Amino acid sequence: QELKIKELEESVAAERIDITMPGIRPPRAQFHPINQVLQEINDIFVSM
């Protein structure tokens, strides 16, 4: 039981998150190039 408790404590210590560390920024989504060009075409003709 002592060894199991020690193993759990070591595992928790290894996985502990330091909330003062900077986070990992997830990749930012963006419009597909087809949608970008399609929107640009629409905007041009709507402006006319």
All heavy atoms as atom14 arrays in JSON, in Angstrom:
{
  "sequence": "QELKIKELEESVAAERIDITMPGIRPPRAQFHPINQVLQEINDIFVSM",
  "atom14_mask": [
    [1, 1, 1, 1, 1, 1, 1, 1, 1, 0, 0, 0, 0, 0],
    [1, 1, 1, 1, 1, 1, 1, 1, 1, 0, 0, 0, 0, 0],
    [1, 1, 1, 1, 1, 1, 1, 1, 0, 0, 0, 0, 0, 0],
    [1, 1, 1, 1, 1, 1, 1, 1, 1, 0, 0, 0, 0, 0],
    [1, 1, 1, 1, 1, 1, 1, 1, 0, 0, 0, 0, 0, 0],
    [1, 1, 1, 1, 1, 1, 1, 1, 1, 0, 0, 0, 0, 0],
    [1, 1, 1, 1, 1, 1, 1, 1, 1, 0, 0, 0, 0, 0],
    [1, 1, 1, 1, 1, 1, 1, 1, 0, 0, 0, 0, 0, 0],
    [1, 1, 1, 1, 1, 1, 1, 1, 1, 0, 0, 0, 0, 0],
    [1, 1, 1, 1, 1, 1, 1, 1, 1, 0, 0, 0, 0, 0],
    [1, 1, 1, 1, 1, 1, 0, 0, 0, 0, 0, 0, 0, 0],
    [1, 1, 1, 1, 1, 1, 1, 0, 0, 0, 0, 0, 0, 0],
    [1, 1, 1, 1, 1, 0, 0, 0, 0, 0, 0, 0, 0, 0],
    [1, 1, 1, 1, 1, 0, 0, 0, 0, 0, 0, 0, 0, 0],
    [1, 1, 1, 1, 1, 1, 1, 1, 1, 0, 0, 0, 0, 0],
    [1, 1, 1, 1, 1, 1, 1, 1, 1, 1, 1, 0, 0, 0],
    [1, 1, 1, 1, 1, 1, 1, 1, 0, 0, 0, 0, 0, 0],
    [1, 1, 1, 1, 1, 1, 1, 1, 0, 0, 0, 0, 0, 0],
    [1, 1, 1, 1, 1, 1, 1, 1, 0, 0, 0, 0, 0, 0],
    [1, 1, 1, 1, 1, 1, 1, 0, 0, 0, 0, 0, 0, 0],
    [1, 1, 1, 1, 1, 1, 1, 1, 0, 0, 0, 0, 0, 0],
    [1, 1, 1, 1, 1, 1, 1, 0, 0, 0, 0, 0, 0, 0],
    [1, 1, 1, 1, 0, 0, 0, 0, 0, 0, 0, 0, 0, 0],
    [1, 1, 1, 1, 1, 1, 1, 1, 0, 0, 0, 0, 0, 0],
    [1, 1, 1, 1, 1, 1, 1, 1, 1, 1, 1, 0, 0, 0],
    [1, 1, 1, 1, 1, 1, 1, 0, 0, 0, 0, 0, 0, 0],
    [1, 1, 1, 1, 1, 1, 1, 0, 0, 0, 0, 0, 0, 0],
    [1, 1, 1, 1, 1, 1, 1, 1, 1, 1, 1, 0, 0, 0],
    [1, 1, 1, 1, 1, 0, 0, 0, 0, 0, 0, 0, 0, 0],
    [1, 1, 1, 1, 1, 1, 1, 1, 1, 0, 0, 0, 0, 0],
    [1, 1, 1, 1, 1, 1, 1, 1, 1, 1, 1, 0, 0, 0],
    [1, 1, 1, 1, 1, 1, 1, 1, 1, 1, 0, 0, 0, 0],
    [1, 1, 1, 1, 1, 1, 1, 0, 0, 0, 0, 0, 0, 0],
    [1, 1, 1, 1, 1, 1, 1, 1, 0, 0, 0, 0, 0, 0],
    [1, 1, 1, 1, 1, 1, 1, 1, 0, 0, 0, 0, 0, 0],
    [1, 1, 1, 1, 1, 1, 1, 1, 1, 0, 0, 0, 0, 0],
    [1, 1, 1, 1, 1, 1, 1, 0, 0, 0, 0, 0, 0, 0],
    [1, 1, 1, 1, 1, 1, 1, 1, 0, 0, 0, 0, 0, 0],
    [1, 1, 1, 1, 1, 1, 1, 1, 1, 0, 0, 0, 0, 0],
    [1, 1, 1, 1, 1, 1, 1, 1, 1, 0, 0, 0, 0, 0],
    [1, 1, 1, 1, 1, 1, 1, 1, 0, 0, 0, 0, 0, 0],
    [1, 1, 1, 1, 1, 1, 1, 1, 0, 0, 0, 0, 0, 0],
    [1, 1, 1, 1, 1, 1, 1, 1, 0, 0, 0, 0, 0, 0],
    [1, 1, 1, 1, 1, 1, 1, 1, 0, 0, 0, 0, 0, 0],
    [1, 1, 1, 1, 1, 1, 1, 1, 1, 1, 1, 0, 0, 0],
    [1, 1, 1, 1, 1, 1, 1, 0, 0, 0, 0, 0, 0, 0],
    [1, 1, 1, 1, 1, 1, 0, 0, 0, 0, 0, 0, 0, 0],
    [1, 1, 1, 1, 1, 1, 1, 1, 0, 0, 0, 0, 0, 0]
  ],
  "atom14_positions": [
    [[0.83, -1.21, 0.0], [0.0, 0.0, 0.0], [0.86, 1.26, 0.0], [0.57, 2.25, -0.69], [-0.93, -0.01, 1.22], [-2.0, -1.1, 1.19], [-2.94, -0.96, 0.01], [-3.29, 0.15, -0.4], [-3.32, -2.09, -0.56], [0.0, 0.0, 0.0], [0.0, 0.0, 0.0], [0.0, 0.0, 0.0], [0.0, 0.0, 0.0], [0.0, 0.0, 0.0]],
    [[1.96, 1.22, 0.78], [2.87, 2.38, 0.82], [3.48, 2.64, -0.56], [3.6, 3.79, -1.0], [3.96, 2.14, 1.87], [3.45, 2.14, 3.3], [4.55, 1.74, 4.29], [5.65, 1.36, 3.81], [4.29, 1.79, 5.5], [0.0, 0.0, 0.0], [0.0, 0.0, 0.0], [0.0, 0.0, 0.0], [0.0, 0.0, 0.0], [0.0, 0.0, 0.0]],
    [[3.89, 1.56, -1.26], [4.49, 1.72, -2.59], [3.47, 2.25, -3.6], [3.81, 3.06, -4.47], [5.06, 0.38, -3.06], [6.3, -0.12, -2.29], [6.69, -1.51, -2.76], [7.47, 0.85, -2.49], [0.0, 0.0, 0.0], [0.0, 0.0, 0.0], [0.0, 0.0, 0.0], [0.0, 0.0, 0.0], [0.0, 0.0, 0.0], [0.0, 0.0, 0.0]],
    [[2.22, 1.78, -3.52], [1.19, 2.27, -4.42], [0.92, 3.76, -4.2], [0.77, 4.54, -5.15], [-0.09, 1.47, -4.23], [-0.02, 0.05, -4.78], [-1.33, -0.68, -4.57], [-1.25, -2.1, -5.12], [-2.51, -2.84, -4.92], [0.0, 0.0, 0.0], [0.0, 0.0, 0.0], [0.0, 0.0, 0.0], [0.0, 0.0, 0.0], [0.0, 0.0, 0.0]],
    [[0.86, 4.15, -2.92], [0.63, 5.56, -2.61], [1.79, 6.42, -3.11], [1.6, 7.51, -3.69], [0.44, 5.75, -1.09], [-0.88, 5.08, -0.66], [0.43, 7.23, -0.72], [-1.08, 5.05, 0.85], [0.0, 0.0, 0.0], [0.0, 0.0, 0.0], [0.0, 0.0, 0.0], [0.0, 0.0, 0.0], [0.0, 0.0, 0.0], [0.0, 0.0, 0.0]],
    [[3.01, 5.93, -2.92], [4.18, 6.66, -3.39], [4.18, 6.81, -4.91], [4.49, 7.87, -5.47], [5.45, 5.93, -2.93], [6.73, 6.66, -3.31], [7.95, 5.88, -2.82], [9.23, 6.62, -3.22], [10.45, 5.88, -2.79], [0.0, 0.0, 0.0], [0.0, 0.0, 0.0], [0.0, 0.0, 0.0], [0.0, 0.0, 0.0], [0.0, 0.0, 0.0]],
    [[3.8, 5.69, -5.6], [3.75, 5.74, -7.06], [2.72, 6.76, -7.54], [2.96, 7.51, -8.49], [3.41, 4.35, -7.6], [3.36, 4.28, -9.12], [2.98, 2.89, -9.62], [2.56, 2.06, -8.79], [3.1, 2.66, -10.84], [0.0, 0.0, 0.0], [0.0, 0.0, 0.0], [0.0, 0.0, 0.0], [0.0, 0.0, 0.0], [0.0, 0.0, 0.0]],
    [[1.54, 6.8, -6.89], [0.5, 7.75, -7.25], [0.96, 9.19, -7.02], [0.74, 10.06, -7.86], [-0.77, 7.46, -6.45], [-1.96, 8.4, -6.69], [-2.39, 8.34, -8.15], [-3.12, 8.05, -5.76], [0.0, 0.0, 0.0], [0.0, 0.0, 0.0], [0.0, 0.0, 0.0], [0.0, 0.0, 0.0], [0.0, 0.0, 0.0], [0.0, 0.0, 0.0]],
    [[1.63, 9.42, -5.88], [2.12, 10.77, -5.58], [3.15, 11.23, -6.61], [3.16, 12.38, -7.04], [2.71, 10.8, -4.16], [1.66, 10.65, -3.06], [2.3, 10.55, -1.69], [3.54, 10.34, -1.63], [1.58, 10.68, -0.68], [0.0, 0.0, 0.0], [0.0, 0.0, 0.0], [0.0, 0.0, 0.0], [0.0, 0.0, 0.0], [0.0, 0.0, 0.0]],
    [[4.04, 10.31, -7.01], [5.05, 10.66, -8.0], [4.4, 10.96, -9.36], [4.82, 11.88, -10.08], [6.06, 9.52, -8.14], [6.96, 9.36, -6.93], [7.89, 8.17, -7.06], [7.69, 7.38, -8.02], [8.79, 8.02, -6.22], [0.0, 0.0, 0.0], [0.0, 0.0, 0.0], [0.0, 0.0, 0.0], [0.0, 0.0, 0.0], [0.0, 0.0, 0.0]],
    [[3.34, 10.17, -9.71], [2.65, 10.38, -10.96], [1.93, 11.73, -10.98], [2.0, 12.48, -11.96], [1.64, 9.25, -11.2], [0.88, 9.5, -12.36], [0.0, 0.0, 0.0], [0.0, 0.0, 0.0], [0.0, 0.0, 0.0], [0.0, 0.0, 0.0], [0.0, 0.0, 0.0], [0.0, 0.0, 0.0], [0.0, 0.0, 0.0], [0.0, 0.0, 0.0]],
    [[1.26, 12.05, -9.87], [0.56, 13.34, -9.77], [1.55, 14.5, -9.84], [1.31, 15.52, -10.52], [-0.26, 13.39, -8.48], [-0.81, 14.79, -8.24], [-1.39, 12.38, -8.52], [0.0, 0.0, 0.0], [0.0, 0.0, 0.0], [0.0, 0.0, 0.0], [0.0, 0.0, 0.0], [0.0, 0.0, 0.0], [0.0, 0.0, 0.0], [0.0, 0.0, 0.0]],
    [[2.7, 14.33, -9.16], [3.71, 15.38, -9.18], [4.25, 15.61, -10.59], [4.5, 16.74, -11.0], [4.84, 15.03, -8.21], [0.0, 0.0, 0.0], [0.0, 0.0, 0.0], [0.0, 0.0, 0.0], [0.0, 0.0, 0.0], [0.0, 0.0, 0.0], [0.0, 0.0, 0.0], [0.0, 0.0, 0.0], [0.0, 0.0, 0.0], [0.0, 0.0, 0.0]],
    [[4.42, 14.5, -11.34], [4.96, 14.63, -12.7], [3.96, 15.3, -13.64], [4.36, 15.96, -14.61], [5.34, 13.25, -13.23], [0.0, 0.0, 0.0], [0.0, 0.0, 0.0], [0.0, 0.0, 0.0], [0.0, 0.0, 0.0], [0.0, 0.0, 0.0], [0.0, 0.0, 0.0], [0.0, 0.0, 0.0], [0.0, 0.0, 0.0], [0.0, 0.0, 0.0]],
    [[2.66, 15.1, -13.39], [1.64, 15.66, -14.27], [1.1, 17.0, -13.8], [0.22, 17.58, -14.44], [0.47, 14.67, -14.37], [0.85, 13.34, -15.03], [-0.3, 12.35, -15.03], [-1.39, 12.73, -14.55], [-0.12, 11.23, -15.5], [0.0, 0.0, 0.0], [0.0, 0.0, 0.0], [0.0, 0.0, 0.0], [0.0, 0.0, 0.0], [0.0, 0.0, 0.0]],
    [[1.62, 17.52, -12.75], [1.12, 18.78, -12.21], [1.36, 19.91, -13.22], [2.41, 19.99, -13.84], [1.79, 19.1, -10.88], [1.32, 20.42, -10.26], [1.92, 20.63, -8.89], [1.39, 19.65, -7.94], [2.13, 18.97, -7.09], [3.44, 19.13, -7.08], [1.57, 18.12, -6.25], [0.0, 0.0, 0.0], [0.0, 0.0, 0.0], [0.0, 0.0, 0.0]],
    [[0.33, 20.76, -13.42], [0.43, 21.87, -14.36], [0.86, 23.13, -13.61], [0.25, 23.51, -12.6], [-0.93, 22.11, -15.05], [-1.32, 20.88, -15.86], [-0.87, 23.34, -15.96], [-2.71, 20.97, -16.47], [0.0, 0.0, 0.0], [0.0, 0.0, 0.0], [0.0, 0.0, 0.0], [0.0, 0.0, 0.0], [0.0, 0.0, 0.0], [0.0, 0.0, 0.0]],
    [[1.88, 23.74, -14.15], [2.32, 25.01, -13.59], [1.51, 26.12, -14.25], [1.74, 26.47, -15.41], [3.82, 25.2, -13.85], [4.35, 26.48, -13.2], [3.54, 27.25, -12.65], [5.58, 26.7, -13.27], [0.0, 0.0, 0.0], [0.0, 0.0, 0.0], [0.0, 0.0, 0.0], [0.0, 0.0, 0.0], [0.0, 0.0, 0.0], [0.0, 0.0, 0.0]],
    [[0.54, 26.66, -13.53], [-0.35, 27.65, -14.14], [0.34, 28.98, -14.42], [-0.23, 29.86, -15.07], [-1.58, 27.9, -13.23], [-1.14, 28.43, -11.86], [-2.41, 26.63, -13.09], [-2.31, 28.85, -10.98], [0.0, 0.0, 0.0], [0.0, 0.0, 0.0], [0.0, 0.0, 0.0], [0.0, 0.0, 0.0], [0.0, 0.0, 0.0], [0.0, 0.0, 0.0]],
    [[1.58, 29.11, -13.95], [2.32, 30.34, -14.25], [3.06, 30.24, -15.58], [3.56, 31.25, -16.09], [3.34, 30.64, -13.14], [4.34, 29.6, -13.11], [2.65, 30.72, -11.78], [0.0, 0.0, 0.0], [0.0, 0.0, 0.0], [0.0, 0.0, 0.0], [0.0, 0.0, 0.0], [0.0, 0.0, 0.0], [0.0, 0.0, 0.0], [0.0, 0.0, 0.0]],
    [[3.13, 29.01, -16.17], [3.81, 28.84, -17.45], [2.93, 29.36, -18.59], [1.71, 29.29, -18.51], [4.11, 27.36, -17.69], [5.17, 26.78, -16.75], [6.81, 27.3, -17.21], [7.05, 26.33, -18.69], [0.0, 0.0, 0.0], [0.0, 0.0, 0.0], [0.0, 0.0, 0.0], [0.0, 0.0, 0.0], [0.0, 0.0, 0.0], [0.0, 0.0, 0.0]],
    [[3.53, 29.91, -19.65], [2.71, 30.35, -20.79], [2.04, 29.17, -21.46], [2.62, 28.08, -21.58], [3.74, 31.01, -21.72], [5.06, 30.41, -21.33], [4.97, 30.15, -19.86], [0.0, 0.0, 0.0], [0.0, 0.0, 0.0], [0.0, 0.0, 0.0], [0.0, 0.0, 0.0], [0.0, 0.0, 0.0], [0.0, 0.0, 0.0], [0.0, 0.0, 0.0]],
    [[0.79, 29.35, -21.94], [0.04, 28.26, -22.56], [0.49, 28.0, -23.99], [1.25, 28.78, -24.58], [0.0, 0.0, 0.0], [0.0, 0.0, 0.0], [0.0, 0.0, 0.0], [0.0, 0.0, 0.0], [0.0, 0.0, 0.0], [0.0, 0.0, 0.0], [0.0, 0.0, 0.0], [0.0, 0.0, 0.0], [0.0, 0.0, 0.0], [0.0, 0.0, 0.0]],
    [[0.01, 26.89, -24.54], [0.28, 26.53, -25.93], [-0.88, 27.06, -26.78], [-2.02, 26.62, -26.61], [0.42, 25.01, -26.1], [1.6, 24.51, -25.24], [0.64, 24.66, -27.58], [1.73, 23.0, -25.24], [0.0, 0.0, 0.0], [0.0, 0.0, 0.0], [0.0, 0.0, 0.0], [0.0, 0.0, 0.0], [0.0, 0.0, 0.0], [0.0, 0.0, 0.0]],
    [[-0.6, 28.0, -27.66], [-1.66, 28.6, -28.46], [-2.13, 27.62, -29.55], [-1.32, 27.16, -30.35], [-1.16, 29.88, -29.11], [-2.26, 30.68, -29.83], [-1.69, 31.93, -30.45], [-1.13, 32.82, -29.45], [-1.85, 33.69, -28.75], [-3.16, 33.78, -28.96], [-1.28, 34.46, -27.85], [0.0, 0.0, 0.0], [0.0, 0.0, 0.0], [0.0, 0.0, 0.0]],
    [[-3.43, 27.3, -29.58], [-3.93, 26.39, -30.62], [-3.89, 27.08, -31.99], [-3.94, 28.31, -32.06], [-5.37, 26.11, -30.17], [-5.75, 27.32, -29.37], [-4.5, 27.77, -28.68], [0.0, 0.0, 0.0], [0.0, 0.0, 0.0], [0.0, 0.0, 0.0], [0.0, 0.0, 0.0], [0.0, 0.0, 0.0], [0.0, 0.0, 0.0], [0.0, 0.0, 0.0]],
    [[-3.79, 26.29, -33.05], [-3.79, 26.9, -34.38], [-5.09, 27.63, -34.64], [-6.17, 27.15, -34.28], [-3.61, 25.71, -35.33], [-4.07, 24.53, -34.54], [-3.71, 24.82, -33.11], [0.0, 0.0, 0.0], [0.0, 0.0, 0.0], [0.0, 0.0, 0.0], [0.0, 0.0, 0.0], [0.0, 0.0, 0.0], [0.0, 0.0, 0.0], [0.0, 0.0, 0.0]],
    [[-5.01, 28.8, -35.28], [-6.2, 29.61, -35.54], [-6.82, 29.22, -36.87], [-6.13, 29.1, -37.88], [-5.81, 31.09, -35.56], [-7.03, 32.01, -35.59], [-6.63, 33.46, -35.52], [-6.03, 33.92, -36.76], [-5.69, 35.17, -37.0], [-5.86, 36.08, -36.06], [-5.16, 35.52, -38.16], [0.0, 0.0, 0.0], [0.0, 0.0, 0.0], [0.0, 0.0, 0.0]],
    [[-8.13, 29.01, -36.87], [-8.83, 28.66, -38.1], [-8.89, 29.86, -39.04], [-8.76, 31.01, -38.61], [-10.23, 28.17, -37.78], [0.0, 0.0, 0.0], [0.0, 0.0, 0.0], [0.0, 0.0, 0.0], [0.0, 0.0, 0.0], [0.0, 0.0, 0.0], [0.0, 0.0, 0.0], [0.0, 0.0, 0.0], [0.0, 0.0, 0.0], [0.0, 0.0, 0.0]],
    [[-9.08, 29.59, -40.32], [-9.18, 30.66, -41.31], [-10.05, 30.19, -42.47], [-10.35, 29.01, -42.59], [-7.79, 31.06, -41.81], [-7.0, 29.89, -42.39], [-5.52, 30.16, -42.36], [-5.04, 30.99, -41.61], [-4.78, 29.44, -43.19], [0.0, 0.0, 0.0], [0.0, 0.0, 0.0], [0.0, 0.0, 0.0], [0.0, 0.0, 0.0], [0.0, 0.0, 0.0]],
    [[-10.43, 31.13, -43.31], [-11.27, 30.77, -44.44], [-10.47, 30.02, -45.49], [-9.3, 30.31, -45.75], [-11.87, 32.03, -45.07], [-13.02, 32.6, -44.28], [-12.86, 33.79, -43.58], [-14.24, 31.96, -44.24], [-13.91, 34.32, -42.84], [-15.3, 32.48, -43.52], [-15.13, 33.66, -42.81], [0.0, 0.0, 0.0], [0.0, 0.0, 0.0], [0.0, 0.0, 0.0]],
    [[-11.12, 29.03, -46.1], [-10.52, 28.27, -47.2], [-10.24, 29.24, -48.35], [-10.99, 30.2, -48.57], [-11.5, 27.19, -47.65], [-10.92, 26.18, -48.58], [-10.76, 26.43, -49.93], [-10.47, 24.92, -48.37], [-10.24, 25.37, -50.51], [-10.05, 24.43, -49.6], [0.0, 0.0, 0.0], [0.0, 0.0, 0.0], [0.0, 0.0, 0.0], [0.0, 0.0, 0.0]],
    [[-9.15, 29.04, -49.12], [-8.83, 29.96, -50.22], [-9.96, 30.11, -51.22], [-10.16, 31.19, -51.79], [-7.58, 29.36, -50.85], [-7.48, 27.97, -50.31], [-8.1, 28.01, -48.98], [0.0, 0.0, 0.0], [0.0, 0.0, 0.0], [0.0, 0.0, 0.0], [0.0, 0.0, 0.0], [0.0, 0.0, 0.0], [0.0, 0.0, 0.0], [0.0, 0.0, 0.0]],
    [[-10.74, 29.03, -51.47], [-11.87, 29.14, -52.38], [-12.91, 30.1, -51.82], [-13.45, 30.96, -52.53], [-12.51, 27.76, -52.64], [-11.53, 26.86, -53.39], [-13.81, 27.9, -53.43], [-11.12, 27.38, -54.75], [0.0, 0.0, 0.0], [0.0, 0.0, 0.0], [0.0, 0.0, 0.0], [0.0, 0.0, 0.0], [0.0, 0.0, 0.0], [0.0, 0.0, 0.0]],
    [[-13.19, 29.99, -50.52], [-14.15, 30.9, -49.9], [-13.63, 32.33, -49.9], [-14.41, 33.28, -50.04], [-14.46, 30.45, -48.47], [-15.4, 29.27, -48.42], [-16.15, 29.05, -49.36], [-15.35, 28.5, -47.35], [0.0, 0.0, 0.0], [0.0, 0.0, 0.0], [0.0, 0.0, 0.0], [0.0, 0.0, 0.0], [0.0, 0.0, 0.0], [0.0, 0.0, 0.0]],
    [[-12.32, 32.5, -49.73], [-11.75, 33.84, -49.75], [-11.96, 34.5, -51.11], [-12.4, 35.65, -51.21], [-10.27, 33.78, -49.42], [-9.96, 33.38, -47.98], [-8.47, 33.47, -47.67], [-7.79, 34.38, -48.11], [-7.96, 32.51, -46.91], [0.0, 0.0, 0.0], [0.0, 0.0, 0.0], [0.0, 0.0, 0.0], [0.0, 0.0, 0.0], [0.0, 0.0, 0.0]],
    [[-11.63, 33.76, -52.18], [-11.78, 34.32, -53.53], [-13.25, 34.52, -53.86], [-13.64, 35.54, -54.46], [-11.1, 33.41, -54.56], [-11.37, 33.9, -55.99], [-9.6, 33.35, -54.32], [0.0, 0.0, 0.0], [0.0, 0.0, 0.0], [0.0, 0.0, 0.0], [0.0, 0.0, 0.0], [0.0, 0.0, 0.0], [0.0, 0.0, 0.0], [0.0, 0.0, 0.0]],
    [[-14.1, 33.56, -53.47], [-15.53, 33.68, -53.73], [-16.11, 34.91, -53.05], [-16.9, 35.66, -53.64], [-16.25, 32.42, -53.25], [-17.75, 32.32, -53.53], [-18.03, 32.43, -55.02], [-18.3, 31.0, -52.99], [0.0, 0.0, 0.0], [0.0, 0.0, 0.0], [0.0, 0.0, 0.0], [0.0, 0.0, 0.0], [0.0, 0.0, 0.0], [0.0, 0.0, 0.0]],
    [[-15.69, 35.15, -51.82], [-16.18, 36.33, -51.1], [-15.7, 37.61, -51.76], [-16.44, 38.6, -51.86], [-15.72, 36.28, -49.64], [-16.29, 37.4, -48.77], [-17.8, 37.35, -48.69], [-18.37, 36.32, -48.34], [-18.46, 38.45, -49.02], [0.0, 0.0, 0.0], [0.0, 0.0, 0.0], [0.0, 0.0, 0.0], [0.0, 0.0, 0.0], [0.0, 0.0, 0.0]],
    [[-14.46, 37.6, -52.24], [-13.92, 38.77, -52.92], [-14.69, 39.06, -54.21], [-15.01, 40.22, -54.52], [-12.43, 38.56, -53.23], [-11.73, 39.8, -53.73], [-10.22, 39.62, -53.86], [-9.71, 38.54, -53.49], [-9.56, 40.57, -54.33], [0.0, 0.0, 0.0], [0.0, 0.0, 0.0], [0.0, 0.0, 0.0], [0.0, 0.0, 0.0], [0.0, 0.0, 0.0]],
    [[-15.01, 37.99, -54.98], [-15.79, 38.17, -56.2], [-17.18, 38.73, -55.87], [-17.65, 39.68, -56.51], [-15.93, 36.82, -56.93], [-14.57, 36.35, -57.45], [-16.93, 36.93, -58.09], [-14.57, 34.93, -57.98], [0.0, 0.0, 0.0], [0.0, 0.0, 0.0], [0.0, 0.0, 0.0], [0.0, 0.0, 0.0], [0.0, 0.0, 0.0], [0.0, 0.0, 0.0]],
    [[-17.83, 38.15, -54.86], [-19.15, 38.65, -54.46], [-19.1, 40.12, -54.08], [-19.96, 40.91, -54.48], [-19.68, 37.82, -53.29], [-20.06, 36.41, -53.69], [-20.17, 36.09, -54.87], [-20.26, 35.54, -52.71], [0.0, 0.0, 0.0], [0.0, 0.0, 0.0], [0.0, 0.0, 0.0], [0.0, 0.0, 0.0], [0.0, 0.0, 0.0], [0.0, 0.0, 0.0]],
    [[-18.09, 40.49, -53.3], [-17.98, 41.88, -52.85], [-17.82, 42.84, -54.02], [-18.39, 43.94, -54.03], [-16.8, 42.03, -51.88], [-17.04, 41.35, -50.55], [-18.21, 41.03, -50.25], [-16.07, 41.12, -49.81], [0.0, 0.0, 0.0], [0.0, 0.0, 0.0], [0.0, 0.0, 0.0], [0.0, 0.0, 0.0], [0.0, 0.0, 0.0], [0.0, 0.0, 0.0]],
    [[-17.03, 42.43, -55.02], [-16.8, 43.3, -56.18], [-18.12, 43.56, -56.91], [-18.46, 44.71, -57.22], [-15.76, 42.67, -57.12], [-14.38, 42.67, -56.48], [-15.72, 43.43, -58.45], [-13.33, 41.89, -57.25], [0.0, 0.0, 0.0], [0.0, 0.0, 0.0], [0.0, 0.0, 0.0], [0.0, 0.0, 0.0], [0.0, 0.0, 0.0], [0.0, 0.0, 0.0]],
    [[-18.88, 42.5, -57.18], [-20.11, 42.68, -57.95], [-21.21, 43.34, -57.11], [-22.01, 44.13, -57.65], [-20.59, 41.35, -58.51], [-19.79, 40.89, -59.71], [-18.95, 39.8, -59.62], [-19.88, 41.57, -60.91], [-18.21, 39.39, -60.72], [-19.15, 41.17, -62.02], [-18.3, 40.08, -61.92], [0.0, 0.0, 0.0], [0.0, 0.0, 0.0], [0.0, 0.0, 0.0]],
    [[-21.26, 43.05, -55.82], [-22.24, 43.73, -54.97], [-21.97, 45.23, -54.94], [-22.9, 46.05, -54.94], [-22.22, 43.13, -53.54], [-23.01, 44.0, -52.57], [-22.81, 41.72, -53.56], [0.0, 0.0, 0.0], [0.0, 0.0, 0.0], [0.0, 0.0, 0.0], [0.0, 0.0, 0.0], [0.0, 0.0, 0.0], [0.0, 0.0, 0.0], [0.0, 0.0, 0.0]],
    [[-20.69, 45.6, -54.95], [-20.34, 47.02, -54.97], [-20.79, 47.7, -56.26], [-20.94, 48.93, -56.31], [-18.84, 47.2, -54.78], [-18.12, 46.79, -55.93], [0.0, 0.0, 0.0], [0.0, 0.0, 0.0], [0.0, 0.0, 0.0], [0.0, 0.0, 0.0], [0.0, 0.0, 0.0], [0.0, 0.0, 0.0], [0.0, 0.0, 0.0], [0.0, 0.0, 0.0]],
    [[-20.99, 46.91, -57.33], [-21.48, 47.45, -58.61], [-23.0, 47.49, -58.67], [-23.57, 47.96, -59.66], [-20.97, 46.6, -59.77], [-19.48, 46.59, -59.95], [-19.06, 45.6, -61.42], [-17.27, 45.5, -61.28], [0.0, 0.0, 0.0], [0.0, 0.0, 0.0], [0.0, 0.0, 0.0], [0.0, 0.0, 0.0], [0.0, 0.0, 0.0], [0.0, 0.0, 0.0]]
  ]
}
